[in-house]
Amino acid sequence: MKNVGKAVVDTIVKERKENGEFKSFTDFCERMSGESVNRKCIESLIKAGAFDGFEQTRSTLLASFEGIIDTINDTSRKTMQGQVTMFDLGNTEDEKIESMKYSFTTLKEFDEKELLSMEKEMLGIYISGHPLDKIKESIQKVSTINTLQMLQMSEENNLNEDGKQVKYVGIINSVKKKYTKRNTLMAFMTVEDLYGSTEIIVFDSCYSKAQNILLDENIVLIDGRLSIREDEPVKIVANNITEFNPENINNLSVQRSNREMMNQKPKVLILDITNANEIQKDRLRGAIRFFSGDRNNIAVQVNINGELKPSGAIYCNEDILGQFKEILGNDNVELK
């Protein structure tokens, strides 16, 4: 797990074995205070879902954990100095003491896509589900091959299938761009379906048409041919890549949406953060960085109490616009 080393794991397991299971998130923080479990580690444990068995949502814990840790540290200092704190007061029920000790910023849980994305970021794999689970039947209707079948081909070293035309649906894990000898861009993608992941080779002609949708965690339909070489994993050379629409597998709605957006020629994306909390602002900063690059087509301005401030530029299409609305709310995102 990212930011959680072996020493941390050993410390947590030792505490649990010696003093029993952790009863709550705050119980964990209290018992691990002063140990090697730092704030970054706790944040990673929250994102990975390690505390999902307790009452609070991940969004609530992410918004609250630093304040809880500060309360614990402050209490420890006062105890060492011999000061009396409210924790020392007697004749109070345990539950009332607990409610007095800590303040949680209760927030609605992140949507499933974001929860899975955090798990992938922290662990490298999805734990509580898979982004493709709900559209499995739609995928089966259009795809002609999956990663399991490709693995079997590799094991059998079946060179007769080399060059076979296939359709493959999966979620993009990574995109590595490379310049060709002609100074054009191509890419090597890792795409994952429900059975594993495979490499997709995207030559410049295909890349130039599909580059706008080649983003991590996008679900795509790849029309291409198998590349089978002796003693190598089977790969797919892409001829055409479109964003997968489970509602209509033959609908190229994303491409059309992009064209419509270009016709409208939006110039500025205005994000109103006047009433945004710190979690929303942090997610917003990450989104702006993520969608900023060599394909920027829209300038970004941030509205704070009616004052507009420039905040760089991003590449934006309908799906990306939807992600900003998900972070701030529809009324706080505007294209002009």
C-alpha atoms as a PDB file:
ATOM      1  CA  MET A   1       0.000   0.000   0.000  1.00  0.00           C
ATOM      2  CA  LYS A   2       1.267   3.455  -0.930  1.00  0.00           C
ATOM      3  CA  ASN A   3       2.821   5.333   2.038  1.00  0.00           C
ATOM      4  CA  VAL A   4       2.410   2.279   4.314  1.00  0.00           C
ATOM      5  CA  GLY A   5       5.679   0.436   4.852  1.00  0.00           C
ATOM      6  CA  LYS A   6       6.464  -2.872   6.561  1.00  0.00           C
ATOM      7  CA  ALA A   7       7.402  -1.167   9.842  1.00  0.00           C
ATOM      8  CA  VAL A   8       3.962   0.464  10.013  1.00  0.00           C
ATOM      9  CA  VAL A   9       2.205  -2.817   9.253  1.00  0.00           C
ATOM     10  CA  ASP A  10       4.189  -4.633  11.947  1.00  0.00           C
ATOM     11  CA  THR A  11       3.358  -1.917  14.501  1.00  0.00           C
ATOM     12  CA  ILE A  12      -0.371  -2.033  13.754  1.00  0.00           C
ATOM     13  CA  VAL A  13      -0.513  -5.846  13.859  1.00  0.00           C
ATOM     14  CA  LYS A  14       1.474  -5.977  17.104  1.00  0.00           C
ATOM     15  CA  GLU A  15      -0.897  -3.501  18.805  1.00  0.00           C
ATOM     16  CA  ARG A  16      -3.941  -5.424  17.600  1.00  0.00           C
ATOM     17  CA  LYS A  17      -2.573  -8.759  18.830  1.00  0.00           C
ATOM     18  CA  GLU A  18      -1.567  -7.427  22.236  1.00  0.00           C
ATOM     19  CA  ASN A  19      -4.584  -5.224  23.023  1.00  0.00           C
ATOM     20  CA  GLY A  20      -7.426  -6.494  20.859  1.00  0.00           C
ATOM     21  CA  GLU A  21      -9.148  -5.364  17.681  1.00  0.00           C
ATOM     22  CA  PHE A  22      -9.614  -1.673  16.992  1.00  0.00           C
ATOM     23  CA  LYS A  23     -13.168  -0.624  17.903  1.00  0.00           C
ATOM     24  CA  SER A  24     -13.381   2.574  15.857  1.00  0.00           C
ATOM     25  CA  PHE A  25     -11.333   5.002  13.784  1.00  0.00           C
ATOM     26  CA  THR A  26     -10.655   7.169  16.830  1.00  0.00           C
ATOM     27  CA  ASP A  27      -9.674   4.079  18.846  1.00  0.00           C
ATOM     28  CA  PHE A  28      -7.108   3.298  16.139  1.00  0.00           C
ATOM     29  CA  CYS A  29      -5.752   6.865  16.176  1.00  0.00           C
ATOM     30  CA  GLU A  30      -5.530   6.924  19.977  1.00  0.00           C
ATOM     31  CA  ARG A  31      -3.730   3.589  20.239  1.00  0.00           C
ATOM     32  CA  MET A  32      -1.318   4.320  17.362  1.00  0.00           C
ATOM     33  CA  SER A  33      -0.504   7.853  18.535  1.00  0.00           C
ATOM     34  CA  GLY A  34       3.228   8.329  18.938  1.00  0.00           C
ATOM     35  CA  GLU A  35       4.009   5.271  16.824  1.00  0.00           C
ATOM     36  CA  SER A  36       5.309   5.173  13.226  1.00  0.00           C
ATOM     37  CA  VAL A  37       1.816   5.675  11.808  1.00  0.00           C
ATOM     38  CA  ASN A  38       1.954   9.258  10.517  1.00  0.00           C
ATOM     39  CA  ARG A  39      -0.747  11.411   8.907  1.00  0.00           C
ATOM     40  CA  LYS A  40       0.164  10.444   5.342  1.00  0.00           C
ATOM     41  CA  CYS A  41      -0.094   6.792   6.314  1.00  0.00           C
ATOM     42  CA  ILE A  42      -3.538   7.273   7.897  1.00  0.00           C
ATOM     43  CA  GLU A  43      -4.742   9.165   4.811  1.00  0.00           C
ATOM     44  CA  SER A  44      -3.629   6.259   2.604  1.00  0.00           C
ATOM     45  CA  LEU A  45      -5.363   3.728   4.874  1.00  0.00           C
ATOM     46  CA  ILE A  46      -8.587   5.742   4.602  1.00  0.00           C
ATOM     47  CA  LYS A  47      -8.386   5.952   0.795  1.00  0.00           C
ATOM     48  CA  ALA A  48      -7.673   2.231   0.523  1.00  0.00           C
ATOM     49  CA  GLY A  49     -10.795   1.422   2.552  1.00  0.00           C
ATOM     50  CA  ALA A  50      -9.035   0.048   5.637  1.00  0.00           C
ATOM     51  CA  PHE A  51     -11.587   1.746   7.925  1.00  0.00           C
ATOM     52  CA  ASP A  52     -14.716   0.898   5.900  1.00  0.00           C
ATOM     53  CA  GLY A  53     -15.805  -1.501   8.638  1.00  0.00           C
ATOM     54  CA  PHE A  54     -16.415   1.429  10.996  1.00  0.00           C
ATOM     55  CA  GLU A  55     -19.328   3.875  10.847  1.00  0.00           C
ATOM     56  CA  GLN A  56     -17.852   6.891   9.040  1.00  0.00           C
ATOM     57  CA  THR A  57     -17.592   7.288   5.268  1.00  0.00           C
ATOM     58  CA  ARG A  58     -14.203   7.728   3.614  1.00  0.00           C
ATOM     59  CA  SER A  59     -15.131  11.294   2.685  1.00  0.00           C
ATOM     60  CA  THR A  60     -15.943  12.051   6.347  1.00  0.00           C
ATOM     61  CA  LEU A  61     -12.683  10.543   7.582  1.00  0.00           C
ATOM     62  CA  LEU A  62     -10.605  12.420   4.999  1.00  0.00           C
ATOM     63  CA  ALA A  63     -12.226  15.666   6.102  1.00  0.00           C
ATOM     64  CA  SER A  64     -11.833  14.914   9.829  1.00  0.00           C
ATOM     65  CA  PHE A  65      -8.719  12.839  10.510  1.00  0.00           C
ATOM     66  CA  GLU A  66      -6.232  15.702  10.897  1.00  0.00           C
ATOM     67  CA  GLY A  67      -8.396  17.466  13.472  1.00  0.00           C
ATOM     68  CA  ILE A  68      -8.812  14.201  15.386  1.00  0.00           C
ATOM     69  CA  ILE A  69      -5.062  13.613  15.396  1.00  0.00           C
ATOM     70  CA  ASP A  70      -4.475  17.176  16.636  1.00  0.00           C
ATOM     71  CA  THR A  71      -6.975  16.595  19.463  1.00  0.00           C
ATOM     72  CA  ILE A  72      -5.181  13.396  20.503  1.00  0.00           C
ATOM     73  CA  ASN A  73      -1.743  15.044  20.379  1.00  0.00           C
ATOM     74  CA  ASP A  74      -2.995  18.025  22.361  1.00  0.00           C
ATOM     75  CA  THR A  75      -4.512  15.730  24.990  1.00  0.00           C
ATOM     76  CA  SER A  76      -1.249  13.794  25.275  1.00  0.00           C
ATOM     77  CA  ARG A  77       0.706  16.993  25.847  1.00  0.00           C
ATOM     78  CA  LYS A  78      -1.686  18.154  28.553  1.00  0.00           C
ATOM     79  CA  THR A  79      -1.537  14.767  30.264  1.00  0.00           C
ATOM     80  CA  MET A  80       2.268  14.896  30.303  1.00  0.00           C
ATOM     81  CA  GLN A  81       2.102  18.385  31.812  1.00  0.00           C
ATOM     82  CA  GLY A  82      -0.257  17.149  34.544  1.00  0.00           C
ATOM     83  CA  GLN A  83      -3.212  19.229  33.367  1.00  0.00           C
ATOM     84  CA  VAL A  84      -6.770  17.978  33.815  1.00  0.00           C
ATOM     85  CA  THR A  85      -8.710  17.549  30.583  1.00  0.00           C
ATOM     86  CA  MET A  86     -12.360  16.761  29.971  1.00  0.00           C
ATOM     87  CA  PHE A  87     -11.280  13.160  29.316  1.00  0.00           C
ATOM     88  CA  ASP A  88     -10.400  12.864  32.984  1.00  0.00           C
ATOM     89  CA  LEU A  89     -13.890  13.828  34.195  1.00  0.00           C
ATOM     90  CA  GLY A  90     -15.752  10.975  35.811  1.00  0.00           C
ATOM     91  CA  ASN A  91     -19.406   9.896  35.903  1.00  0.00           C
ATOM     92  CA  THR A  92     -19.932  10.346  32.172  1.00  0.00           C
ATOM     93  CA  GLU A  93     -21.108   7.618  29.866  1.00  0.00           C
ATOM     94  CA  ASP A  94     -18.511   6.363  27.404  1.00  0.00           C
ATOM     95  CA  GLU A  95     -20.563   7.394  24.372  1.00  0.00           C
ATOM     96  CA  LYS A  96     -20.970  10.948  25.696  1.00  0.00           C
ATOM     97  CA  ILE A  97     -17.256  11.195  26.363  1.00  0.00           C
ATOM     98  CA  GLU A  98     -16.547  10.021  22.835  1.00  0.00           C
ATOM     99  CA  SER A  99     -18.888  12.635  21.326  1.00  0.00           C
ATOM    100  CA  MET A 100     -17.210  15.367  23.376  1.00  0.00           C
ATOM    101  CA  LYS A 101     -13.719  14.312  22.461  1.00  0.00           C
ATOM    102  CA  TYR A 102     -13.873  14.405  18.672  1.00  0.00           C
ATOM    103  CA  SER A 103     -15.599  16.365  15.948  1.00  0.00           C
ATOM    104  CA  PHE A 104     -16.333  14.693  12.607  1.00  0.00           C
ATOM    105  CA  THR A 105     -17.095  16.682   9.475  1.00  0.00           C
ATOM    106  CA  THR A 106     -19.845  14.425   8.146  1.00  0.00           C
ATOM    107  CA  LEU A 107     -19.928  14.299   4.351  1.00  0.00           C
ATOM    108  CA  LYS A 108     -21.783  12.243   1.772  1.00  0.00           C
ATOM    109  CA  GLU A 109     -19.701   9.314   0.574  1.00  0.00           C
ATOM    110  CA  PHE A 110     -17.782   9.588  -2.696  1.00  0.00           C
ATOM    111  CA  ASP A 111     -19.394   7.884  -5.666  1.00  0.00           C
ATOM    112  CA  GLU A 112     -18.336   4.344  -6.562  1.00  0.00           C
ATOM    113  CA  LYS A 113     -16.057   5.463  -9.383  1.00  0.00           C
ATOM    114  CA  GLU A 114     -14.065   7.730  -7.082  1.00  0.00           C
ATOM    115  CA  LEU A 115     -13.850   5.123  -4.304  1.00  0.00           C
ATOM    116  CA  LEU A 116     -12.479   2.572  -6.765  1.00  0.00           C
ATOM    117  CA  SER A 117     -10.079   5.153  -8.164  1.00  0.00           C
ATOM    118  CA  MET A 118      -8.662   5.787  -4.667  1.00  0.00           C
ATOM    119  CA  GLU A 119      -8.211   2.047  -4.118  1.00  0.00           C
ATOM    120  CA  LYS A 120      -6.375   1.770  -7.414  1.00  0.00           C
ATOM    121  CA  GLU A 121      -4.158   4.724  -6.503  1.00  0.00           C
ATOM    122  CA  MET A 122      -3.233   3.297  -3.083  1.00  0.00           C
ATOM    123  CA  LEU A 123      -3.082  -0.429  -3.855  1.00  0.00           C
ATOM    124  CA  GLY A 124      -2.572  -0.753  -7.596  1.00  0.00           C
ATOM    125  CA  ILE A 125      -5.736  -2.900  -7.780  1.00  0.00           C
ATOM    126  CA  TYR A 126      -9.474  -2.522  -7.212  1.00  0.00           C
ATOM    127  CA  ILE A 127     -10.701  -4.098  -3.952  1.00  0.00           C
ATOM    128  CA  SER A 128     -14.378  -3.362  -3.285  1.00  0.00           C
ATOM    129  CA  GLY A 129     -15.461  -3.777  -6.890  1.00  0.00           C
ATOM    130  CA  HIS A 130     -14.469  -3.096 -10.481  1.00  0.00           C
ATOM    131  CA  PRO A 131     -15.518  -0.196 -12.753  1.00  0.00           C
ATOM    132  CA  LEU A 132     -16.573  -2.703 -15.429  1.00  0.00           C
ATOM    133  CA  ASP A 133     -18.781  -4.917 -13.222  1.00  0.00           C
ATOM    134  CA  LYS A 134     -22.017  -3.045 -13.913  1.00  0.00           C
ATOM    135  CA  ILE A 135     -21.524  -2.999 -17.694  1.00  0.00           C
ATOM    136  CA  LYS A 136     -20.278  -6.566 -18.061  1.00  0.00           C
ATOM    137  CA  GLU A 137     -23.218  -7.653 -20.240  1.00  0.00           C
ATOM    138  CA  SER A 138     -22.805  -4.674 -22.572  1.00  0.00           C
ATOM    139  CA  ILE A 139     -19.121  -5.463 -22.950  1.00  0.00           C
ATOM    140  CA  GLN A 140     -19.837  -9.080 -23.833  1.00  0.00           C
ATOM    141  CA  LYS A 141     -22.196  -7.960 -26.607  1.00  0.00           C
ATOM    142  CA  VAL A 142     -19.551  -5.963 -28.460  1.00  0.00           C
ATOM    143  CA  SER A 143     -16.150  -7.447 -27.556  1.00  0.00           C
ATOM    144  CA  THR A 144     -14.725 -10.413 -29.423  1.00  0.00           C
ATOM    145  CA  ILE A 145     -11.794 -11.081 -27.100  1.00  0.00           C
ATOM    146  CA  ASN A 146     -10.759 -10.609 -23.472  1.00  0.00           C
ATOM    147  CA  THR A 147      -7.514 -10.723 -21.507  1.00  0.00           C
ATOM    148  CA  LEU A 148      -8.076 -14.312 -20.345  1.00  0.00           C
ATOM    149  CA  GLN A 149      -8.356 -15.528 -23.931  1.00  0.00           C
ATOM    150  CA  MET A 150      -5.234 -13.565 -24.880  1.00  0.00           C
ATOM    151  CA  LEU A 151      -3.330 -15.163 -21.991  1.00  0.00           C
ATOM    152  CA  GLN A 152      -4.341 -18.606 -23.227  1.00  0.00           C
ATOM    153  CA  MET A 153      -3.087 -17.700 -26.709  1.00  0.00           C
ATOM    154  CA  SER A 154       0.267 -16.669 -25.230  1.00  0.00           C
ATOM    155  CA  GLU A 155       0.580 -19.959 -23.333  1.00  0.00           C
ATOM    156  CA  GLU A 156      -0.316 -21.956 -26.435  1.00  0.00           C
ATOM    157  CA  ASN A 157       1.959 -19.785 -28.601  1.00  0.00           C
ATOM    158  CA  ASN A 158      -0.727 -19.812 -31.298  1.00  0.00           C
ATOM    159  CA  LEU A 159       0.927 -17.811 -34.083  1.00  0.00           C
ATOM    160  CA  ASN A 160      -1.927 -18.621 -36.478  1.00  0.00           C
ATOM    161  CA  GLU A 161      -4.054 -15.956 -34.751  1.00  0.00           C
ATOM    162  CA  ASP A 162      -1.509 -13.213 -35.492  1.00  0.00           C
ATOM    163  CA  GLY A 163      -3.184 -10.323 -37.310  1.00  0.00           C
ATOM    164  CA  LYS A 164      -6.738 -11.413 -36.408  1.00  0.00           C
ATOM    165  CA  GLN A 165      -9.206  -8.507 -36.192  1.00  0.00           C
ATOM    166  CA  VAL A 166     -10.664  -8.119 -32.670  1.00  0.00           C
ATOM    167  CA  LYS A 167     -12.740  -5.782 -30.507  1.00  0.00           C
ATOM    168  CA  TYR A 168     -11.594  -5.294 -26.914  1.00  0.00           C
ATOM    169  CA  VAL A 169     -13.219  -3.244 -24.144  1.00  0.00           C
ATOM    170  CA  GLY A 170     -11.353  -2.155 -21.028  1.00  0.00           C
ATOM    171  CA  ILE A 171     -10.426   0.682 -18.696  1.00  0.00           C
ATOM    172  CA  ILE A 172      -7.208   2.607 -19.358  1.00  0.00           C
ATOM    173  CA  ASN A 173      -4.583   2.154 -16.638  1.00  0.00           C
ATOM    174  CA  SER A 174      -1.708   4.063 -18.218  1.00  0.00           C
ATOM    175  CA  VAL A 175      -0.703   5.839 -21.412  1.00  0.00           C
ATOM    176  CA  LYS A 176       2.956   6.251 -22.396  1.00  0.00           C
ATOM    177  CA  LYS A 177       3.528   8.599 -25.321  1.00  0.00           C
ATOM    178  CA  LYS A 178       6.469   8.294 -27.697  1.00  0.00           C
ATOM    179  CA  TYR A 179       7.677  10.289 -30.679  1.00  0.00           C
ATOM    180  CA  THR A 180       8.188   8.367 -33.921  1.00  0.00           C
ATOM    181  CA  LYS A 181      11.030   8.912 -36.396  1.00  0.00           C
ATOM    182  CA  ARG A 182       8.652  11.184 -38.313  1.00  0.00           C
ATOM    183  CA  ASN A 183       8.251  13.309 -35.164  1.00  0.00           C
ATOM    184  CA  THR A 184       4.634  12.231 -34.697  1.00  0.00           C
ATOM    185  CA  LEU A 185       3.138  10.903 -31.471  1.00  0.00           C
ATOM    186  CA  MET A 186       2.214   7.298 -30.823  1.00  0.00           C
ATOM    187  CA  ALA A 187       1.385   5.572 -27.528  1.00  0.00           C
ATOM    188  CA  PHE A 188       1.673   2.340 -25.584  1.00  0.00           C
ATOM    189  CA  MET A 189      -1.360   1.821 -23.341  1.00  0.00           C
ATOM    190  CA  THR A 190      -2.103  -0.615 -20.553  1.00  0.00           C
ATOM    191  CA  VAL A 191      -5.815  -1.435 -20.620  1.00  0.00           C
ATOM    192  CA  GLU A 192      -7.597  -3.638 -18.068  1.00  0.00           C
ATOM    193  CA  ASP A 193     -10.761  -5.705 -18.372  1.00  0.00           C
ATOM    194  CA  LEU A 194     -12.397  -7.998 -15.793  1.00  0.00           C
ATOM    195  CA  TYR A 195      -9.750 -10.690 -16.313  1.00  0.00           C
ATOM    196  CA  GLY A 196      -6.493  -8.740 -16.289  1.00  0.00           C
ATOM    197  CA  SER A 197      -4.597  -6.170 -18.337  1.00  0.00           C
ATOM    198  CA  THR A 198      -2.937  -6.086 -21.733  1.00  0.00           C
ATOM    199  CA  GLU A 199      -0.762  -3.775 -23.808  1.00  0.00           C
ATOM    200  CA  ILE A 200      -2.316  -1.790 -26.638  1.00  0.00           C
ATOM    201  CA  ILE A 201      -0.062  -0.311 -29.332  1.00  0.00           C
ATOM    202  CA  VAL A 202      -1.448   2.919 -30.767  1.00  0.00           C
ATOM    203  CA  PHE A 203       0.408   4.103 -33.863  1.00  0.00           C
ATOM    204  CA  ASP A 204       0.398   7.765 -34.856  1.00  0.00           C
ATOM    205  CA  SER A 205      -2.505   7.559 -37.321  1.00  0.00           C
ATOM    206  CA  CYS A 206      -4.816   6.097 -34.671  1.00  0.00           C
ATOM    207  CA  TYR A 207      -3.378   8.242 -31.868  1.00  0.00           C
ATOM    208  CA  SER A 208      -4.073  11.510 -33.694  1.00  0.00           C
ATOM    209  CA  LYS A 209      -7.772  10.595 -33.971  1.00  0.00           C
ATOM    210  CA  ALA A 210      -8.225   9.241 -30.440  1.00  0.00           C
ATOM    211  CA  GLN A 211      -5.811  11.274 -28.287  1.00  0.00           C
ATOM    212  CA  ASN A 212      -8.613  13.282 -26.649  1.00  0.00           C
ATOM    213  CA  ILE A 213     -10.049  10.179 -24.948  1.00  0.00           C
ATOM    214  CA  LEU A 214      -6.803   8.403 -24.075  1.00  0.00           C
ATOM    215  CA  LEU A 215      -7.028   9.310 -20.390  1.00  0.00           C
ATOM    216  CA  ASP A 216      -6.469   7.158 -17.313  1.00  0.00           C
ATOM    217  CA  GLU A 217      -9.692   5.461 -16.088  1.00  0.00           C
ATOM    218  CA  ASN A 218     -11.555   6.063 -19.349  1.00  0.00           C
ATOM    219  CA  ILE A 219     -13.439   2.991 -20.602  1.00  0.00           C
ATOM    220  CA  VAL A 220     -12.704   2.458 -24.283  1.00  0.00           C
ATOM    221  CA  LEU A 221     -13.621   0.181 -27.174  1.00  0.00           C
ATOM    222  CA  ILE A 222     -10.538  -0.814 -29.164  1.00  0.00           C
ATOM    223  CA  ASP A 223     -10.922  -2.068 -32.720  1.00  0.00           C
ATOM    224  CA  GLY A 224      -7.626  -3.598 -33.805  1.00  0.00           C
ATOM    225  CA  ARG A 225      -5.588  -6.668 -34.666  1.00  0.00           C
ATOM    226  CA  LEU A 226      -3.714  -9.190 -32.561  1.00  0.00           C
ATOM    227  CA  SER A 227       0.061  -9.074 -32.451  1.00  0.00           C
ATOM    228  CA  ILE A 228       1.439 -12.484 -31.479  1.00  0.00           C
ATOM    229  CA  ARG A 229       5.168 -13.045 -31.187  1.00  0.00           C
ATOM    230  CA  GLU A 230       6.932 -16.111 -29.865  1.00  0.00           C
ATOM    231  CA  ASP A 231       7.621 -16.001 -26.110  1.00  0.00           C
ATOM    232  CA  GLU A 232       5.875 -12.618 -25.744  1.00  0.00           C
ATOM    233  CA  PRO A 233       2.478 -11.667 -24.294  1.00  0.00           C
ATOM    234  CA  VAL A 234      -0.228 -11.167 -26.914  1.00  0.00           C
ATOM    235  CA  LYS A 235      -0.798  -7.490 -27.706  1.00  0.00           C
ATOM    236  CA  ILE A 236      -3.355  -5.532 -29.722  1.00  0.00           C
ATOM    237  CA  VAL A 237      -2.439  -3.007 -32.398  1.00  0.00           C
ATOM    238  CA  ALA A 238      -5.242  -0.453 -32.422  1.00  0.00           C
ATOM    239  CA  ASN A 239      -6.887   0.674 -35.647  1.00  0.00           C
ATOM    240  CA  ASN A 240      -9.604   2.750 -33.993  1.00  0.00           C
ATOM    241  CA  ILE A 241     -10.411   3.705 -30.388  1.00  0.00           C
ATOM    242  CA  THR A 242     -13.710   5.141 -29.156  1.00  0.00           C
ATOM    243  CA  GLU A 243     -15.088   5.805 -25.681  1.00  0.00           C
ATOM    244  CA  PHE A 244     -17.360   2.912 -24.713  1.00  0.00           C
ATOM    245  CA  ASN A 245     -21.029   3.727 -24.265  1.00  0.00           C
ATOM    246  CA  PRO A 246     -22.863   0.834 -22.571  1.00  0.00           C
ATOM    247  CA  GLU A 247     -26.281   2.283 -23.393  1.00  0.00           C
ATOM    248  CA  ASN A 248     -25.650   2.091 -27.104  1.00  0.00           C
ATOM    249  CA  ILE A 249     -22.596   0.135 -28.111  1.00  0.00           C
ATOM    250  CA  ASN A 250     -22.630   1.495 -31.642  1.00  0.00           C
ATOM    251  CA  ASN A 251     -23.109   5.133 -30.601  1.00  0.00           C
ATOM    252  CA  LEU A 252     -20.106   7.401 -30.985  1.00  0.00           C
ATOM    253  CA  SER A 253     -21.710   9.983 -28.710  1.00  0.00           C
ATOM    254  CA  VAL A 254     -18.461  11.194 -27.191  1.00  0.00           C
ATOM    255  CA  GLN A 255     -17.003  12.133 -30.559  1.00  0.00           C
ATOM    256  CA  ARG A 256     -20.202  13.965 -31.422  1.00  0.00           C
ATOM    257  CA  SER A 257     -20.207  15.778 -28.085  1.00  0.00           C
ATOM    258  CA  ASN A 258     -16.650  16.900 -28.727  1.00  0.00           C
ATOM    259  CA  ARG A 259     -17.615  18.249 -32.161  1.00  0.00           C
ATOM    260  CA  GLU A 260     -20.604  20.098 -30.697  1.00  0.00           C
ATOM    261  CA  MET A 261     -18.401  21.662 -28.056  1.00  0.00           C
ATOM    262  CA  MET A 262     -15.954  22.794 -30.731  1.00  0.00           C
ATOM    263  CA  ASN A 263     -18.827  24.329 -32.743  1.00  0.00           C
ATOM    264  CA  GLN A 264     -19.971  26.247 -29.691  1.00  0.00           C
ATOM    265  CA  LYS A 265     -16.373  27.427 -29.218  1.00  0.00           C
ATOM    266  CA  PRO A 266     -16.420  27.820 -25.426  1.00  0.00           C
ATOM    267  CA  LYS A 267     -13.569  30.052 -24.320  1.00  0.00           C
ATOM    268  CA  VAL A 268     -13.606  30.036 -20.530  1.00  0.00           C
ATOM    269  CA  LEU A 269     -14.488  27.499 -17.827  1.00  0.00           C
ATOM    270  CA  ILE A 270     -15.572  29.408 -14.700  1.00  0.00           C
ATOM    271  CA  LEU A 271     -15.412  27.543 -11.377  1.00  0.00           C
ATOM    272  CA  ASP A 272     -17.141  29.164  -8.400  1.00  0.00           C
ATOM    273  CA  ILE A 273     -15.323  28.095  -5.205  1.00  0.00           C
ATOM    274  CA  THR A 274     -16.848  30.736  -2.916  1.00  0.00           C
ATOM    275  CA  ASN A 275     -18.640  28.121  -0.800  1.00  0.00           C
ATOM    276  CA  ALA A 276     -16.369  25.140  -1.543  1.00  0.00           C
ATOM    277  CA  ASN A 277     -14.845  23.226   1.383  1.00  0.00           C
ATOM    278  CA  GLU A 278     -11.188  22.181   1.581  1.00  0.00           C
ATOM    279  CA  ILE A 279     -11.898  18.675   0.270  1.00  0.00           C
ATOM    280  CA  GLN A 280     -13.604  20.103  -2.822  1.00  0.00           C
ATOM    281  CA  LYS A 281     -10.784  22.598  -3.379  1.00  0.00           C
ATOM    282  CA  ASP A 282      -8.161  19.851  -3.101  1.00  0.00           C
ATOM    283  CA  ARG A 283     -10.030  17.663  -5.605  1.00  0.00           C
ATOM    284  CA  LEU A 284     -10.454  20.666  -7.901  1.00  0.00           C
ATOM    285  CA  ARG A 285      -6.748  21.463  -7.872  1.00  0.00           C
ATOM    286  CA  GLY A 286      -5.982  17.838  -8.723  1.00  0.00           C
ATOM    287  CA  ALA A 287      -8.479  17.839 -11.594  1.00  0.00           C
ATOM    288  CA  ILE A 288      -7.057  21.045 -13.104  1.00  0.00           C
ATOM    289  CA  ARG A 289      -3.532  19.631 -12.964  1.00  0.00           C
ATOM    290  CA  PHE A 290      -4.676  16.286 -14.395  1.00  0.00           C
ATOM    291  CA  PHE A 291      -6.470  17.751 -17.421  1.00  0.00           C
ATOM    292  CA  SER A 292      -3.810  20.338 -18.201  1.00  0.00           C
ATOM    293  CA  GLY A 293      -1.350  19.505 -20.968  1.00  0.00           C
ATOM    294  CA  ASP A 294      -0.464  19.987 -24.604  1.00  0.00           C
ATOM    295  CA  ARG A 295      -4.111  19.650 -25.716  1.00  0.00           C
ATOM    296  CA  ASN A 296      -5.547  22.546 -23.693  1.00  0.00           C
ATOM    297  CA  ASN A 297      -8.581  24.086 -25.396  1.00  0.00           C
ATOM    298  CA  ILE A 298     -10.283  26.082 -22.613  1.00  0.00           C
ATOM    299  CA  ALA A 299      -8.983  28.701 -20.182  1.00  0.00           C
ATOM    300  CA  VAL A 300      -9.943  28.304 -16.510  1.00  0.00           C
ATOM    301  CA  GLN A 301     -11.019  31.064 -14.149  1.00  0.00           C
ATOM    302  CA  VAL A 302     -11.834  30.717 -10.461  1.00  0.00           C
ATOM    303  CA  ASN A 303     -14.641  32.791  -8.949  1.00  0.00           C
ATOM    304  CA  ILE A 304     -14.078  33.783  -5.310  1.00  0.00           C
ATOM    305  CA  ASN A 305     -16.802  36.025  -3.896  1.00  0.00           C
ATOM    306  CA  GLY A 306     -17.489  37.483  -7.346  1.00  0.00           C
ATOM    307  CA  GLU A 307     -13.821  38.092  -8.201  1.00  0.00           C
ATOM    308  CA  LEU A 308     -12.524  36.115 -11.197  1.00  0.00           C
ATOM    309  CA  LYS A 309      -8.941  34.901 -11.076  1.00  0.00           C
ATOM    310  CA  PRO A 310      -7.137  33.092 -13.950  1.00  0.00           C
ATOM    311  CA  SER A 311      -6.147  29.505 -13.149  1.00  0.00           C
ATOM    312  CA  GLY A 312      -4.394  28.198 -16.249  1.00  0.00           C
ATOM    313  CA  ALA A 313      -6.020  26.122 -18.977  1.00  0.00           C
ATOM    314  CA  ILE A 314      -7.177  22.536 -19.528  1.00  0.00           C
ATOM    315  CA  TYR A 315      -8.435  20.164 -22.185  1.00  0.00           C
ATOM    316  CA  CYS A 316     -12.199  19.890 -21.736  1.00  0.00           C
ATOM    317  CA  ASN A 317     -14.958  17.783 -23.272  1.00  0.00           C
ATOM    318  CA  GLU A 318     -18.434  16.857 -22.034  1.00  0.00           C
ATOM    319  CA  ASP A 319     -17.241  14.046 -19.744  1.00  0.00           C
ATOM    320  CA  ILE A 320     -14.490  16.161 -18.218  1.00  0.00           C
ATOM    321  CA  LEU A 321     -16.945  19.005 -17.682  1.00  0.00           C
ATOM    322  CA  GLY A 322     -19.171  16.519 -15.846  1.00  0.00           C
ATOM    323  CA  GLN A 323     -16.317  15.663 -13.478  1.00  0.00           C
ATOM    324  CA  PHE A 324     -15.913  19.326 -12.488  1.00  0.00           C
ATOM    325  CA  LYS A 325     -19.686  19.551 -11.902  1.00  0.00           C
ATOM    326  CA  GLU A 326     -19.467  16.443  -9.738  1.00  0.00           C
ATOM    327  CA  ILE A 327     -16.821  18.135  -7.574  1.00  0.00           C
ATOM    328  CA  LEU A 328     -18.432  21.597  -7.223  1.00  0.00           C
ATOM    329  CA  GLY A 329     -22.083  21.068  -8.194  1.00  0.00           C
ATOM    330  CA  ASN A 330     -23.830  22.040 -11.440  1.00  0.00           C
ATOM    331  CA  ASP A 331     -24.561  25.611 -10.336  1.00  0.00           C
ATOM    332  CA  ASN A 332     -20.879  26.344  -9.651  1.00  0.00           C
ATOM    333  CA  VAL A 333     -19.502  25.327 -13.060  1.00  0.00           C
ATOM    334  CA  GLU A 334     -20.085  27.474 -16.129  1.00  0.00           C
ATOM    335  CA  LEU A 335     -18.823  27.563 -19.723  1.00  0.00           C
ATOM    336  CA  LYS A 336     -18.672  30.964 -21.416  1.00  0.00           C
END
